Amino acid sequence: MYKQILLVSLIILASCKGKKIDDKAKAPTAPPTNVDVVVATAKQISNTVEANGTVIANELLEIHPEISGRLTYLNIPEGTTIAANTVIAKINDADLQAQLSKSKVQLDLAKKTEERLKKLLSISGINQADYDLALNNVNNIKADIDILKAQIDKTIIKAPFSGLLGLRNISPGAYVTPQTALVTLQQINKIKIDFTIPEQYTHLIKKGNSIDVLTNYNKTKLKATIVATEPEINTATRNLKVRALLNDGKLQTGSFVKILLQARGDNQSIMIPTNAIIPDADSKKLVLVKDGKGKFVNVETGLRTASGVEITKGISVGDTVIVTGVLFVKNNAVVKVKKVLEN
């Protein structure tokens, strides 16, 4: 009885396994992924690197007094050009002038005393120490006078260079300190342009090279010449700061401009639509169609344009590159090409 039951159970189990194997054999395969592709071809490209720049004056500063005091003279004609060493302000120096007069009287007396003692020293009427003390007194007073003259000189505020005055920030008779900004002065006979460029384009920056400057307000294109760079690349931004000198024309200092650098001449390169690139943490990938299947390949990119990106390594001319449906393609999975797009 038990043998019969065991035999029946084995027969049922064997039939179930056979049915599962048949079901697996009959299971439908996944349909191919529909994709659009482009054929990699070599194209002529001309690329221009664009950077942001700022217009600055050849010389620019805020004029501050060196000492504190009340203004007794103010000569700041706003918006006009002044020559170097023009006196633009003067601070009350009455106390310093009084001290200077006093020191001059003391010096006169000290000199007379020194001369008398020198005659006495020549006939051994006094010892050397007494004469040295008188001579030292003369020298000390002379030093005090030099200090007073330097302090008086600081009360006179002059333009350090010729240039254009800005707006006056102070009124006559005001009490000023070294922190008080009287006016700005800028020299605009030469215009500089500062801009930064990513480190991968630093090979384009050479002293004496010409660049195009595009203004933002009237789209005028001007020429400038590179005159200097910072000695090192900024470690935070990985950009190099560059300074150029405007060749001709006028620009408003402080304004924003675009810098145009010719990165490369006309060149044969493989260009692929940007949306075909699959960015990865460590690399960039494209999906090629080979033998009806999707194949993932690592690539290296170069210059970018408005519609595409240059592929410098990883694919060859004639390769079929998937541009739509890339997110649904699996490596070595069957794909179906719906359309070949123009590249």
Protein backbone atom coordinates (compact mmCIF):
# COMPACT_ATOMS: atom_id res chain seq x y z
CA MET A 1 0.00 0.00 0.00
CA TYR A 2 2.73 2.43 1.03
CA LYS A 3 4.79 1.45 -2.00
CA GLN A 4 1.88 2.32 -4.31
CA ILE A 5 1.40 5.76 -2.69
CA LEU A 6 5.14 6.52 -2.95
CA LEU A 7 5.16 5.51 -6.63
CA VAL A 8 2.20 7.76 -7.44
CA SER A 9 3.86 10.72 -5.67
CA LEU A 10 7.09 10.29 -7.66
CA ILE A 11 5.13 10.19 -10.93
CA ILE A 12 3.26 13.41 -10.04
CA LEU A 13 6.53 15.20 -9.03
CA ALA A 14 8.24 14.19 -12.25
CA SER A 15 5.35 15.47 -14.35
CA CYS A 16 5.41 18.83 -12.53
CA LYS A 17 9.14 19.29 -13.17
CA GLY A 18 8.66 18.48 -16.79
CA LYS A 19 5.91 21.06 -17.02
CA LYS A 20 8.15 23.75 -15.45
CA ILE A 21 10.91 22.99 -17.93
CA ASP A 22 8.42 23.25 -20.79
CA ASP A 23 7.12 26.57 -19.40
CA LYS A 24 10.64 27.99 -19.24
CA ALA A 25 11.35 26.85 -22.74
CA LYS A 26 8.15 28.50 -23.94
CA ALA A 27 8.73 31.79 -21.93
CA PRO A 28 8.81 34.77 -24.36
CA THR A 29 12.12 36.71 -24.73
CA ALA A 30 12.25 40.50 -23.92
CA PRO A 31 11.53 42.66 -26.98
CA PRO A 32 14.45 44.67 -28.40
CA THR A 33 14.79 48.29 -27.33
CA ASN A 34 13.86 50.81 -30.01
CA VAL A 35 16.61 53.42 -30.55
CA ASP A 36 17.63 56.22 -32.87
CA VAL A 37 21.25 56.40 -33.97
CA VAL A 38 23.78 58.57 -35.74
CA VAL A 39 26.80 57.47 -37.71
CA ALA A 40 30.07 58.93 -36.43
CA THR A 41 31.62 61.10 -39.12
CA ALA A 42 34.57 63.52 -39.16
CA LYS A 43 33.55 67.16 -39.36
CA GLN A 44 35.28 70.46 -39.62
CA ILE A 45 34.82 72.44 -36.42
CA SER A 46 35.97 75.85 -35.33
CA ASN A 47 35.71 76.54 -31.60
CA THR A 48 35.81 79.78 -29.66
CA VAL A 49 36.33 79.79 -25.89
CA GLU A 50 34.24 82.39 -24.10
CA ALA A 51 35.20 83.92 -20.74
CA ASN A 52 33.79 86.63 -18.51
CA GLY A 53 35.82 89.78 -17.97
CA THR A 54 35.74 93.05 -16.02
CA VAL A 55 36.94 96.43 -17.27
CA ILE A 56 39.30 98.22 -14.89
CA ALA A 57 41.20 101.51 -15.01
CA ASN A 58 44.94 101.64 -15.54
CA GLU A 59 45.24 103.12 -12.03
CA LEU A 60 42.46 103.39 -9.47
CA LEU A 61 42.39 104.38 -5.80
CA GLU A 62 40.39 105.96 -3.02
CA ILE A 63 42.15 109.00 -1.62
CA HIS A 64 42.35 109.00 2.20
CA PRO A 65 44.13 111.47 4.51
CA GLU A 66 47.17 110.12 6.36
CA ILE A 67 46.35 111.91 9.62
CA SER A 68 43.26 113.13 11.46
CA GLY A 69 42.19 116.76 11.53
CA ARG A 70 39.82 119.42 10.27
CA LEU A 71 39.81 120.31 6.57
CA THR A 72 40.82 123.91 5.88
CA TYR A 73 41.00 123.55 2.09
CA LEU A 74 39.14 121.31 -0.36
CA ASN A 75 39.67 121.26 -4.12
CA ILE A 76 37.76 118.36 -5.66
CA PRO A 77 36.15 119.34 -8.99
CA GLU A 78 33.99 116.27 -9.50
CA GLY A 79 34.23 114.48 -12.84
CA THR A 80 37.23 116.46 -14.08
CA THR A 81 40.77 115.45 -14.92
CA ILE A 82 43.56 116.75 -12.68
CA ALA A 83 47.34 116.61 -12.99
CA ALA A 84 49.65 114.66 -10.72
CA ASN A 85 50.65 116.43 -7.45
CA THR A 86 47.62 118.74 -7.57
CA VAL A 87 46.62 119.71 -4.01
CA ILE A 88 43.06 118.51 -3.46
CA ALA A 89 42.74 119.00 0.31
CA LYS A 90 44.56 120.42 3.34
CA ILE A 91 44.17 119.65 7.03
CA ASN A 92 44.61 122.25 9.77
CA ASP A 93 48.31 122.27 10.74
CA ALA A 94 48.42 125.34 13.05
CA ASP A 95 49.69 123.34 16.06
CA LEU A 96 52.40 121.66 14.00
CA GLN A 97 53.54 124.98 12.54
CA ALA A 98 53.79 126.43 16.08
CA GLN A 99 55.89 123.47 17.22
CA LEU A 100 58.10 123.90 14.16
CA SER A 101 58.70 127.58 14.97
CA LYS A 102 59.57 126.69 18.56
CA SER A 103 62.01 124.00 17.43
CA LYS A 104 63.72 126.42 15.03
CA VAL A 105 64.33 128.87 17.90
CA GLN A 106 65.72 126.07 20.05
CA LEU A 107 67.94 124.95 17.20
CA ASP A 108 69.35 128.46 16.76
CA LEU A 109 70.26 128.64 20.44
CA ALA A 110 71.70 125.12 20.46
CA LYS A 111 73.93 125.92 17.48
CA LYS A 112 75.34 129.02 19.17
CA THR A 113 76.05 127.03 22.33
CA GLU A 114 77.76 124.31 20.31
CA GLU A 115 79.94 126.86 18.51
CA ARG A 116 81.08 128.50 21.79
CA LEU A 117 81.92 125.15 23.36
CA LYS A 118 83.82 124.13 20.24
CA LYS A 119 86.12 127.15 20.63
CA LEU A 120 86.61 126.37 24.32
CA LEU A 121 87.40 122.73 23.46
CA SER A 122 90.10 123.87 21.03
CA ILE A 123 91.96 125.65 23.88
CA SER A 124 91.15 122.87 26.39
CA GLY A 125 88.70 125.15 28.24
CA ILE A 126 86.17 122.26 28.57
CA ASN A 127 86.32 118.51 28.35
CA GLN A 128 85.15 116.50 25.32
CA ALA A 129 82.03 115.19 27.08
CA ASP A 130 80.55 118.68 27.52
CA TYR A 131 81.05 119.46 23.85
CA ASP A 132 79.57 116.14 22.76
CA LEU A 133 76.47 116.84 24.85
CA ALA A 134 75.96 120.20 23.13
CA LEU A 135 76.45 118.68 19.66
CA ASN A 136 73.99 115.90 20.47
CA ASN A 137 71.40 118.51 21.50
CA VAL A 138 71.77 120.21 18.08
CA ASN A 139 71.27 116.92 16.24
CA ASN A 140 68.22 116.00 18.34
CA ILE A 141 66.51 119.30 17.58
CA LYS A 142 67.25 118.87 13.86
CA ALA A 143 65.64 115.42 14.00
CA ASP A 144 62.58 116.88 15.76
CA ILE A 145 62.27 119.49 13.01
CA ASP A 146 62.42 116.77 10.34
CA ILE A 147 59.61 114.90 12.12
CA LEU A 148 57.45 118.03 12.29
CA LYS A 149 58.04 118.77 8.60
CA ALA A 150 56.98 115.20 7.73
CA GLN A 151 53.80 115.60 9.80
CA ILE A 152 53.05 118.94 8.14
CA ASP A 153 53.59 117.34 4.74
CA LYS A 154 50.93 114.76 5.62
CA THR A 155 48.38 117.54 6.13
CA ILE A 156 48.61 118.36 2.41
CA ILE A 157 46.74 115.78 0.30
CA LYS A 158 47.86 115.62 -3.32
CA ALA A 159 46.84 113.58 -6.34
CA PRO A 160 49.44 110.80 -6.70
CA PHE A 161 48.92 110.63 -10.48
CA SER A 162 46.97 112.43 -13.17
CA GLY A 163 43.48 111.10 -13.62
CA LEU A 164 39.73 111.56 -13.45
CA LEU A 165 38.14 112.51 -10.13
CA GLY A 166 34.98 110.78 -9.00
CA LEU A 167 32.28 112.08 -6.67
CA ARG A 168 33.26 114.08 -3.58
CA ASN A 169 32.38 112.31 -0.32
CA ILE A 170 33.22 115.12 2.14
CA SER A 171 32.53 118.80 2.71
CA PRO A 172 34.90 121.69 3.60
CA GLY A 173 35.48 122.04 7.33
CA ALA A 174 34.72 118.38 8.09
CA TYR A 175 36.83 116.43 10.56
CA VAL A 176 38.52 113.55 8.78
CA THR A 177 40.53 110.50 9.81
CA PRO A 178 42.65 108.03 7.80
CA GLN A 179 39.48 105.95 7.38
CA THR A 180 37.66 108.80 5.59
CA ALA A 181 37.44 108.41 1.81
CA LEU A 182 37.62 111.85 0.21
CA VAL A 183 37.20 110.90 -3.46
CA THR A 184 38.18 108.27 -6.03
CA LEU A 185 40.81 108.92 -8.68
CA GLN A 186 41.22 106.77 -11.76
CA GLN A 187 43.49 106.87 -14.76
CA ILE A 188 41.57 105.88 -17.86
CA ASN A 189 43.99 106.76 -20.64
CA LYS A 190 44.70 103.01 -20.65
CA ILE A 191 41.98 100.43 -20.05
CA LYS A 192 42.72 97.00 -18.61
CA ILE A 193 40.51 93.92 -18.75
CA ASP A 194 40.78 91.15 -16.18
CA PHE A 195 39.31 87.73 -16.89
CA THR A 196 39.71 84.11 -15.82
CA ILE A 197 40.12 81.06 -18.03
CA PRO A 198 39.81 77.34 -17.11
CA GLU A 199 43.13 75.55 -16.77
CA GLN A 200 42.54 73.32 -19.81
CA TYR A 201 42.72 76.44 -21.99
CA THR A 202 45.80 78.01 -20.42
CA HIS A 203 47.87 76.96 -23.44
CA LEU A 204 45.95 79.62 -25.38
CA ILE A 205 47.21 82.39 -23.09
CA LYS A 206 50.49 83.93 -24.20
CA LYS A 207 51.81 87.41 -23.56
CA GLY A 208 51.29 89.53 -26.67
CA ASN A 209 48.40 87.44 -28.05
CA SER A 210 45.38 89.35 -29.33
CA ILE A 211 41.87 88.63 -28.01
CA ASP A 212 38.38 89.83 -28.89
CA VAL A 213 36.38 91.81 -26.33
CA LEU A 214 32.60 91.86 -26.73
CA THR A 215 30.63 94.47 -24.79
CA ASN A 216 27.33 93.43 -23.27
CA TYR A 217 25.41 96.66 -23.92
CA ASN A 218 26.07 97.42 -27.60
CA LYS A 219 27.67 94.18 -28.84
CA THR A 220 30.72 96.07 -30.10
CA LYS A 221 33.75 93.85 -30.67
CA LEU A 222 37.09 95.39 -29.70
CA LYS A 223 40.66 94.13 -29.69
CA ALA A 224 42.90 93.75 -26.64
CA THR A 225 46.40 92.39 -26.04
CA ILE A 226 47.35 90.01 -23.23
CA VAL A 227 49.96 91.69 -21.02
CA ALA A 228 50.24 89.47 -17.92
CA THR A 229 48.87 86.51 -15.95
CA GLU A 230 48.95 85.39 -12.36
CA PRO A 231 51.96 83.12 -11.74
CA GLU A 232 49.77 80.19 -10.68
CA ILE A 233 46.31 78.72 -11.22
CA ASN A 234 43.77 79.32 -8.46
CA THR A 235 43.57 76.07 -6.50
CA ALA A 236 39.95 76.66 -5.48
CA THR A 237 38.49 77.39 -8.93
CA ARG A 238 41.20 75.86 -11.16
CA ASN A 239 41.11 79.06 -13.21
CA LEU A 240 43.95 81.30 -14.36
CA LYS A 241 43.58 85.07 -13.96
CA VAL A 242 44.65 87.00 -17.04
CA ARG A 243 45.06 90.73 -17.71
CA ALA A 244 44.78 92.35 -21.14
CA LEU A 245 45.21 95.92 -22.37
CA LEU A 246 42.58 97.42 -24.68
CA ASN A 247 44.10 98.41 -28.01
CA ASP A 248 41.53 101.02 -29.02
CA GLY A 249 38.06 102.25 -28.21
CA LYS A 250 36.57 103.18 -24.84
CA LEU A 251 34.86 101.07 -22.19
CA GLN A 252 33.24 102.06 -18.91
CA THR A 253 35.38 100.89 -16.01
CA GLY A 254 33.70 98.27 -13.89
CA SER A 255 31.54 97.04 -16.77
CA PHE A 256 31.09 93.40 -17.76
CA VAL A 257 32.52 92.10 -21.05
CA LYS A 258 32.86 88.79 -22.87
CA ILE A 259 36.30 87.56 -23.88
CA LEU A 260 36.54 85.45 -27.04
CA LEU A 261 39.56 83.19 -27.53
CA GLN A 262 40.14 81.11 -30.63
CA ALA A 263 40.71 77.69 -29.10
CA ARG A 264 41.48 75.83 -32.28
CA GLY A 265 41.53 76.43 -36.01
CA ASP A 266 39.38 74.51 -38.46
CA ASN A 267 39.86 70.87 -37.59
CA GLN A 268 38.50 67.42 -38.54
CA SER A 269 36.88 65.86 -35.48
CA ILE A 270 34.18 63.35 -34.58
CA MET A 271 31.16 65.24 -33.25
CA ILE A 272 28.32 63.51 -31.41
CA PRO A 273 25.07 65.02 -30.03
CA THR A 274 25.51 65.92 -26.38
CA ASN A 275 22.50 63.84 -25.23
CA ALA A 276 24.27 60.64 -26.36
CA ILE A 277 26.85 60.96 -23.58
CA ILE A 278 26.18 58.95 -20.40
CA PRO A 279 28.05 60.67 -17.55
CA ASP A 280 29.57 58.40 -14.92
CA ALA A 281 31.40 59.06 -11.68
CA ASP A 282 34.77 58.12 -13.18
CA SER A 283 34.20 58.23 -16.93
CA LYS A 284 31.92 59.09 -19.84
CA LYS A 285 30.23 56.44 -21.95
CA LEU A 286 28.55 56.00 -25.32
CA VAL A 287 26.39 53.11 -26.50
CA LEU A 288 27.31 51.68 -29.90
CA VAL A 289 25.28 49.28 -32.02
CA LYS A 290 27.34 46.22 -32.96
CA ASP A 291 25.86 43.02 -34.40
CA GLY A 292 22.39 44.23 -33.44
CA LYS A 293 23.30 44.69 -29.77
CA GLY A 294 24.12 47.66 -27.58
CA LYS A 295 27.77 47.91 -26.53
CA PHE A 296 28.89 50.38 -23.83
CA VAL A 297 32.26 52.04 -24.47
CA ASN A 298 34.29 54.56 -22.48
CA VAL A 299 35.11 57.75 -24.34
CA GLU A 300 37.06 60.96 -23.85
CA THR A 301 35.57 64.30 -24.85
CA GLY A 302 37.09 67.51 -26.12
CA LEU A 303 35.57 70.76 -27.31
CA ARG A 304 31.87 71.48 -26.99
CA THR A 305 29.57 73.39 -29.31
CA ALA A 306 25.94 74.43 -28.96
CA SER A 307 24.70 71.12 -30.36
CA GLY A 308 27.43 68.55 -29.84
CA VAL A 309 30.62 67.41 -28.22
CA GLU A 310 33.91 66.28 -29.73
CA ILE A 311 34.94 62.67 -29.09
CA THR A 312 38.72 62.44 -28.95
CA LYS A 313 39.03 58.78 -27.93
CA GLY A 314 36.86 55.67 -27.74
CA ILE A 315 35.07 55.52 -31.10
CA SER A 316 36.00 55.64 -34.79
CA VAL A 317 34.52 57.12 -37.93
CA GLY A 318 31.68 54.89 -39.12
CA ASP A 319 30.59 53.64 -35.68
CA THR A 320 26.85 53.66 -35.03
CA VAL A 321 26.06 55.64 -31.87
CA ILE A 322 22.74 55.48 -30.02
CA VAL A 323 21.37 58.95 -29.28
CA THR A 324 17.81 58.28 -28.09
CA GLY A 325 16.74 55.48 -25.78
CA VAL A 326 20.22 55.17 -24.25
CA LEU A 327 18.80 54.96 -20.72
CA PHE A 328 16.78 51.85 -21.63
CA VAL A 329 19.59 49.94 -23.32
CA LYS A 330 21.47 47.24 -21.42
CA ASN A 331 24.95 46.10 -22.30
CA ASN A 332 24.89 43.32 -24.92
CA ALA A 333 21.08 43.53 -25.13
CA VAL A 334 19.33 43.40 -28.51
CA VAL A 335 18.33 46.78 -29.95
CA LYS A 336 16.21 47.80 -32.91
CA VAL A 337 17.23 50.84 -34.94
CA LYS A 338 14.14 52.92 -35.72
CA LYS A 339 15.79 55.85 -37.41
CA VAL A 340 19.24 56.99 -38.51
CA LEU A 341 19.46 60.69 -37.68
CA GLU A 342 21.58 63.23 -39.49
CA ASN A 343 24.75 64.16 -37.62
